[in-house]
């Protein structure tokens, strides 16, 4: 059986990555691609790398154009997704790659985003470990509405959730600093992302607990069993187009050492096709995950500071967005979870 798919926001980076991956999915037929200002143009005029999809033309992003598909992916800015998804019927699985359906707390939405609160959907991070040891993938089976996590959230959550769930780290003293590729800021023109501004430089942003992904990180770690979770999270733009390298640290509970950490993380991700814990002394690079739906994790203990250090790397457009969306779709449809996705990156 082939499932019909529509992608709203197909002219952006997330939409383009969804289409790149879906084009190779054996159970999918891409029938509709939509955009706003680019409507009416051939898809390959705005996404020239998608040569196998040169038969598609962008149409307006309307509920009418998205209706009747088995699966609808929405890759729009926050606020725009909710406006659209409120008008989509129950006959389609709808997967939102934006922020509008991630948060369960309306107060958090108002503080970090503002505007209308559209309510939480089933959360699309299959590997998220719950306090009782179950996984989020169990919630995704048969789901009709799915919210894809934020890319920074994915890197930090996967890094720290096993320690929270096992009680090895203190949830109220979490710190994460991320090197983030510029594609995470979207495709619209911004002066601070011009080549002359970003090349040869690194630039922090959303400093001091203001980043919109902060409440989502806390939400996930609370699901993993953390009480009173507090995280200081600082992203730094670096001159690469893709990738996130997250350095997440936490105070260890008394008596916890590297052997305890390693056994816990390896057990947590044993059998996970897209999350891999590296051997002792090895740490990932963003290049290792380029184009792959893989999260790589390296572990260390800073004995002098009595802190856990977790280095996690993902491709923000794949495991951080489009790959997670397709992985969640596979589970919802009852397909093998890895269908159409790869663990292998691109090098050099």
Protein backbone atom coordinates (compact mmCIF):
# COMPACT_ATOMS: atom_id res chain seq x y z
CA UNK A 1 0.00 0.00 0.00
CA UNK A 2 1.17 3.51 -0.81
CA UNK A 3 0.11 6.38 1.44
CA UNK A 4 -0.56 9.78 -0.09
CA UNK A 5 1.33 12.66 1.51
CA UNK A 6 1.11 16.43 1.48
CA UNK A 7 3.83 18.74 2.79
CA UNK A 8 2.83 22.25 3.85
CA UNK A 9 5.71 24.69 3.89
CA UNK A 10 7.61 22.76 1.25
CA UNK A 11 9.80 25.69 0.24
CA UNK A 12 11.60 25.93 3.62
CA UNK A 13 14.51 23.97 5.02
CA UNK A 14 12.37 21.61 7.11
CA UNK A 15 9.94 21.10 4.25
CA UNK A 16 12.77 20.41 1.84
CA UNK A 17 14.32 17.86 4.17
CA UNK A 18 10.96 16.12 4.63
CA UNK A 19 10.66 15.84 0.87
CA UNK A 20 14.22 14.58 0.44
CA UNK A 21 13.59 11.74 2.88
CA UNK A 22 10.02 11.00 1.77
CA UNK A 23 11.15 10.73 -1.86
CA UNK A 24 13.06 7.58 -0.91
CA UNK A 25 10.34 6.12 1.31
CA UNK A 26 8.98 2.93 -0.32
CA UNK A 27 5.46 3.30 1.12
CA UNK A 28 4.87 6.97 0.34
CA UNK A 29 3.62 8.93 -2.66
CA UNK A 30 4.11 12.70 -2.43
CA UNK A 31 1.09 14.23 -4.13
CA UNK A 32 0.88 17.82 -2.88
CA UNK A 33 3.45 20.44 -1.88
CA UNK A 34 2.38 23.86 -0.64
CA UNK A 35 3.94 27.25 0.01
CA UNK A 36 2.95 30.86 0.54
CA UNK A 37 4.89 33.40 -1.53
CA UNK A 38 6.37 30.66 -3.74
CA UNK A 39 3.01 29.15 -4.70
CA UNK A 40 2.73 28.60 -8.44
CA UNK A 41 6.41 27.84 -8.94
CA UNK A 42 7.85 24.43 -9.77
CA UNK A 43 9.16 22.78 -6.61
CA UNK A 44 12.64 22.42 -8.09
CA UNK A 45 12.89 26.15 -8.60
CA UNK A 46 13.02 26.66 -4.82
CA UNK A 47 14.37 23.21 -3.90
CA UNK A 48 16.69 22.49 -6.84
CA UNK A 49 18.33 19.50 -5.15
CA UNK A 50 15.06 17.49 -5.24
CA UNK A 51 15.45 16.32 -8.83
CA UNK A 52 13.20 13.26 -8.50
CA UNK A 53 10.31 15.56 -7.59
CA UNK A 54 10.56 17.88 -10.59
CA UNK A 55 6.98 16.98 -11.58
CA UNK A 56 5.54 18.80 -8.55
CA UNK A 57 4.35 22.42 -8.47
CA UNK A 58 3.84 24.39 -5.28
CA UNK A 59 0.25 25.35 -4.50
CA UNK A 60 -1.24 27.63 -1.87
CA UNK A 61 -1.19 26.43 1.73
CA UNK A 62 -4.91 26.00 2.35
CA UNK A 63 -6.96 23.35 4.16
CA UNK A 64 -8.64 22.55 0.86
CA UNK A 65 -5.34 21.72 -0.86
CA UNK A 66 -4.24 19.55 2.07
CA UNK A 67 -7.51 17.67 2.46
CA UNK A 68 -7.87 14.04 1.41
CA UNK A 69 -4.30 12.90 2.04
CA UNK A 70 -3.37 9.97 4.26
CA UNK A 71 -0.63 12.02 5.93
CA UNK A 72 -0.10 15.79 6.11
CA UNK A 73 3.21 17.21 7.30
CA UNK A 74 3.13 20.84 8.42
CA UNK A 75 6.44 22.74 8.37
CA UNK A 76 5.37 26.28 9.20
CA UNK A 77 6.41 28.94 11.75
CA UNK A 78 4.79 28.85 15.17
CA UNK A 79 1.31 30.30 15.17
CA UNK A 80 0.83 29.46 11.50
CA UNK A 81 0.70 25.70 12.08
CA UNK A 82 -2.11 25.92 14.61
CA UNK A 83 -4.15 28.24 12.41
CA UNK A 84 -3.98 25.67 9.65
CA UNK A 85 -4.29 22.40 11.60
CA UNK A 86 -7.45 23.61 13.33
CA UNK A 87 -9.14 23.33 9.92
CA UNK A 88 -7.87 19.88 8.91
CA UNK A 89 -10.22 16.95 9.21
CA UNK A 90 -9.77 13.71 11.11
CA UNK A 91 -9.31 11.64 7.96
CA UNK A 92 -5.57 12.46 7.81
CA UNK A 93 -2.66 11.86 10.14
CA UNK A 94 -1.29 15.35 10.74
CA UNK A 95 2.33 15.80 11.84
CA UNK A 96 3.37 19.28 12.93
CA UNK A 97 7.08 20.08 12.68
CA UNK A 98 6.50 23.46 14.33
CA UNK A 99 6.00 24.40 17.97
CA UNK A 100 2.24 24.88 18.13
CA UNK A 101 1.32 21.49 19.59
CA UNK A 102 4.38 20.57 21.69
CA UNK A 103 3.69 22.19 25.05
CA UNK A 104 1.17 20.83 27.52
CA UNK A 105 1.16 23.92 29.74
CA UNK A 106 -0.75 26.93 28.42
CA UNK A 107 1.15 29.24 30.76
CA UNK A 108 4.47 28.15 29.25
CA UNK A 109 3.08 28.81 25.79
CA UNK A 110 1.98 32.30 26.75
CA UNK A 111 5.33 33.13 28.36
CA UNK A 112 7.65 31.81 25.64
CA UNK A 113 5.56 32.12 22.46
CA UNK A 114 2.39 34.12 23.03
CA UNK A 115 -0.76 34.13 20.96
CA UNK A 116 -3.43 31.46 20.81
CA UNK A 117 -2.72 28.16 22.57
CA UNK A 118 -3.65 25.25 20.29
CA UNK A 119 -3.18 22.38 22.74
CA UNK A 120 -0.72 19.50 22.93
CA UNK A 121 -0.61 16.57 20.52
CA UNK A 122 1.09 13.19 20.88
CA UNK A 123 4.77 13.96 21.25
CA UNK A 124 6.99 12.67 18.45
CA UNK A 125 10.19 11.58 20.20
CA UNK A 126 9.95 7.77 20.17
CA UNK A 127 13.07 7.21 22.28
CA UNK A 128 11.96 9.47 25.15
CA UNK A 129 12.11 7.32 28.27
CA UNK A 130 9.28 7.73 30.78
CA UNK A 131 9.56 7.56 34.54
CA UNK A 132 8.14 4.03 34.54
CA UNK A 133 10.68 2.84 31.96
CA UNK A 134 8.27 2.81 29.02
CA UNK A 135 8.99 4.76 25.82
CA UNK A 136 7.13 7.48 24.00
CA UNK A 137 6.85 5.27 20.92
CA UNK A 138 4.07 3.36 22.69
CA UNK A 139 1.99 6.56 22.63
CA UNK A 140 2.64 7.02 18.90
CA UNK A 141 1.07 3.74 17.78
CA UNK A 142 -2.08 4.69 15.90
CA UNK A 143 -1.71 8.41 16.70
CA UNK A 144 -3.56 10.81 14.39
CA UNK A 145 -2.01 14.07 15.59
CA UNK A 146 1.75 14.25 16.26
CA UNK A 147 3.97 17.13 17.41
CA UNK A 148 7.62 16.86 16.39
CA UNK A 149 10.09 18.03 19.08
CA UNK A 150 12.31 21.06 18.79
CA UNK A 151 15.78 20.24 17.46
CA UNK A 152 17.69 21.60 20.46
CA UNK A 153 15.22 19.81 22.71
CA UNK A 154 15.98 16.49 21.06
CA UNK A 155 19.74 16.85 21.58
CA UNK A 156 19.40 17.74 25.27
CA UNK A 157 16.56 15.34 26.10
CA UNK A 158 18.30 12.30 24.65
CA UNK A 159 21.50 13.31 26.47
CA UNK A 160 20.01 13.65 29.95
CA UNK A 161 16.77 11.64 30.18
CA UNK A 162 18.41 8.30 31.11
CA UNK A 163 20.14 9.88 34.10
CA UNK A 164 16.95 11.57 35.24
CA UNK A 165 14.92 8.36 34.93
CA UNK A 166 17.53 6.32 36.80
CA UNK A 167 18.03 8.93 39.53
CA UNK A 168 21.75 9.36 38.83
CA UNK A 169 21.74 13.14 38.34
CA UNK A 170 20.17 16.07 40.13
CA UNK A 171 17.33 17.49 38.03
CA UNK A 172 17.54 20.98 39.48
CA UNK A 173 21.11 21.67 38.29
CA UNK A 174 21.22 21.09 34.54
CA UNK A 175 23.31 23.16 32.13
CA UNK A 176 23.49 22.83 28.34
CA UNK A 177 25.49 24.83 25.80
CA UNK A 178 24.83 24.04 22.15
CA UNK A 179 26.72 24.79 18.94
CA UNK A 180 23.96 25.16 16.36
CA UNK A 181 24.02 25.34 12.57
CA UNK A 182 22.37 28.29 10.87
CA UNK A 183 19.64 26.27 9.12
CA UNK A 184 17.94 26.07 12.50
CA UNK A 185 17.00 29.72 12.06
CA UNK A 186 14.97 28.98 8.94
CA UNK A 187 15.26 30.07 5.33
CA UNK A 188 13.99 33.64 5.50
CA UNK A 189 16.58 36.35 5.01
CA UNK A 190 18.16 37.65 8.23
CA UNK A 191 21.08 40.07 8.27
CA UNK A 192 22.91 38.33 11.13
CA UNK A 193 22.98 35.11 9.10
CA UNK A 194 24.65 36.63 6.05
CA UNK A 195 27.86 34.85 5.10
CA UNK A 196 29.95 37.90 5.96
CA UNK A 197 28.39 38.03 9.44
CA UNK A 198 28.50 34.37 10.47
CA UNK A 199 31.64 33.02 8.80
CA UNK A 200 34.64 33.03 11.09
CA UNK A 201 32.46 33.82 14.09
CA UNK A 202 30.30 32.27 16.82
CA UNK A 203 27.29 34.09 18.22
CA UNK A 204 25.18 33.24 21.27
CA UNK A 205 21.47 33.97 21.18
CA UNK A 206 18.45 33.68 23.49
CA UNK A 207 20.80 34.01 26.46
CA UNK A 208 19.53 33.89 30.02
CA UNK A 209 16.77 31.31 29.83
CA UNK A 210 14.78 33.03 27.09
CA UNK A 211 14.96 30.39 24.35
CA UNK A 212 11.55 29.01 23.44
CA UNK A 213 12.73 25.42 23.70
CA UNK A 214 13.40 25.76 27.43
CA UNK A 215 9.93 24.73 28.71
CA UNK A 216 9.86 21.80 26.30
CA UNK A 217 13.15 20.45 27.69
CA UNK A 218 11.78 20.73 31.22
CA UNK A 219 8.54 19.06 30.11
CA UNK A 220 10.40 16.08 28.66
CA UNK A 221 12.68 15.59 31.65
CA UNK A 222 9.65 15.74 33.93
CA UNK A 223 8.12 12.93 31.86
CA UNK A 224 11.36 11.01 32.48
CA UNK A 225 10.77 11.36 36.23
CA UNK A 226 12.50 14.62 37.10
CA UNK A 227 10.99 16.65 39.92
CA UNK A 228 11.78 20.35 40.09
CA UNK A 229 13.68 20.28 36.81
CA UNK A 230 15.71 23.41 36.10
CA UNK A 231 17.86 23.87 33.02
CA UNK A 232 20.13 26.70 31.90
CA UNK A 233 20.30 26.39 28.13
CA UNK A 234 22.42 28.58 25.83
CA UNK A 235 22.55 28.05 22.05
CA UNK A 236 25.45 29.42 20.01
CA UNK A 237 25.26 29.91 16.25
CA UNK A 238 28.37 28.62 14.50
CA UNK A 239 29.38 28.77 10.81
CA UNK A 240 27.96 25.46 9.62
CA UNK A 241 24.70 24.94 7.75
CA UNK A 242 23.57 21.83 9.64
CA UNK A 243 24.11 20.19 12.96
CA UNK A 244 23.84 20.53 16.73
CA UNK A 245 26.59 19.65 19.19
CA UNK A 246 25.18 19.80 22.71
CA UNK A 247 27.33 19.77 25.84
CA UNK A 248 24.96 18.95 28.68
CA UNK A 249 26.16 18.73 32.28
CA UNK A 250 24.54 17.80 35.57
CA UNK A 251 25.51 17.30 39.22
CA UNK A 252 25.83 13.62 40.08
CA UNK A 253 24.03 12.06 42.99
CA UNK A 254 26.39 10.88 45.77
CA UNK A 255 28.36 7.75 44.95
CA UNK A 256 27.62 7.77 41.21
CA UNK A 257 30.62 7.15 38.94
CA UNK A 258 31.33 6.75 35.26
CA UNK A 259 30.68 3.00 35.34
CA UNK A 260 27.15 3.65 36.66
CA UNK A 261 26.59 6.30 34.04
CA UNK A 262 27.80 4.16 31.18
CA UNK A 263 25.77 1.09 32.13
CA UNK A 264 22.63 3.21 32.54
CA UNK A 265 22.91 5.03 29.20
CA UNK A 266 23.86 1.86 27.31
CA UNK A 267 20.89 0.01 28.79
CA UNK A 268 18.55 2.92 28.05
CA UNK A 269 19.47 2.98 24.36
CA UNK A 270 20.16 -0.71 23.77
CA UNK A 271 18.32 -1.73 20.62
CA UNK A 272 17.47 1.83 19.62
CA UNK A 273 18.23 2.10 15.89
CA UNK A 274 18.83 5.84 15.90
CA UNK A 275 20.49 6.57 19.25
CA UNK A 276 23.99 5.23 19.83
CA UNK A 277 26.26 5.59 22.86
CA UNK A 278 29.93 5.80 21.89
CA UNK A 279 32.70 3.81 23.65
CA UNK A 280 34.71 5.21 26.55
CA UNK A 281 36.77 8.23 25.59
CA UNK A 282 34.98 8.79 22.26
CA UNK A 283 32.85 11.85 21.53
CA UNK A 284 30.78 12.70 18.46
CA UNK A 285 31.19 15.39 15.84
CA UNK A 286 28.28 16.98 14.04
CA UNK A 287 29.78 15.77 10.75
CA UNK A 288 29.24 12.19 11.92
CA UNK A 289 25.46 12.70 11.75
CA UNK A 290 25.18 14.75 8.57
CA UNK A 291 22.12 13.61 6.63
CA UNK A 292 21.35 10.78 9.08
CA UNK A 293 18.52 10.21 11.54
CA UNK A 294 21.11 9.37 14.16
CA UNK A 295 21.89 10.83 17.58
CA UNK A 296 25.39 10.05 18.84
CA UNK A 297 26.24 10.35 22.53
CA UNK A 298 29.57 10.50 24.35
CA UNK A 299 29.86 10.26 28.14
CA UNK A 300 32.33 11.56 30.71
CA UNK A 301 32.48 12.39 34.41
CA UNK A 302 34.30 15.49 35.61
CA UNK A 303 35.44 14.11 38.94
CA UNK A 304 36.85 17.42 40.22
CA UNK A 305 33.47 19.10 39.73
CA UNK A 306 31.43 15.96 40.48
CA UNK A 307 29.48 16.52 37.27
CA UNK A 308 28.30 14.37 34.42
CA UNK A 309 29.22 15.60 30.95
CA UNK A 310 27.21 14.33 27.98
CA UNK A 311 28.12 15.32 24.41
CA UNK A 312 25.32 14.68 21.92
CA UNK A 313 25.32 15.33 18.19
CA UNK A 314 22.45 15.37 15.72
CA UNK A 315 21.62 16.78 12.31
CA UNK A 316 19.05 19.42 13.25
CA UNK A 317 17.14 18.94 10.00
CA UNK A 318 16.98 15.13 10.22
CA UNK A 319 16.86 13.68 13.73
CA UNK A 320 16.04 17.20 14.91
CA UNK A 321 13.04 17.64 12.58
CA UNK A 322 12.20 15.74 9.40
CA UNK A 323 13.64 12.37 10.37
CA UNK A 324 11.80 12.43 13.69
CA UNK A 325 8.59 13.29 11.85
CA UNK A 326 8.94 10.34 9.46
CA UNK A 327 10.03 7.98 12.25
CA UNK A 328 6.88 8.96 14.16
CA UNK A 329 4.75 8.55 11.03
CA UNK A 330 6.11 5.04 10.51
CA UNK A 331 5.10 4.07 14.05
CA UNK A 332 1.66 5.65 13.71
CA UNK A 333 1.01 3.78 10.45
CA UNK A 334 2.31 0.45 11.76
CA UNK A 335 5.30 0.43 9.40
CA UNK A 336 8.80 -0.64 10.48
CA UNK A 337 10.16 2.34 12.38
CA UNK A 338 13.31 2.63 10.29
CA UNK A 339 11.57 2.66 6.88
CA UNK A 340 12.92 5.39 4.61
CA UNK A 341 15.51 6.50 7.18
CA UNK A 342 19.22 5.93 7.47
CA UNK A 343 21.74 5.67 10.31
CA UNK A 344 24.55 6.52 7.92
CA UNK A 345 25.81 10.04 7.52
CA UNK A 346 27.58 11.68 4.58
CA UNK A 347 31.34 12.22 4.62
CA UNK A 348 33.45 14.15 4.02
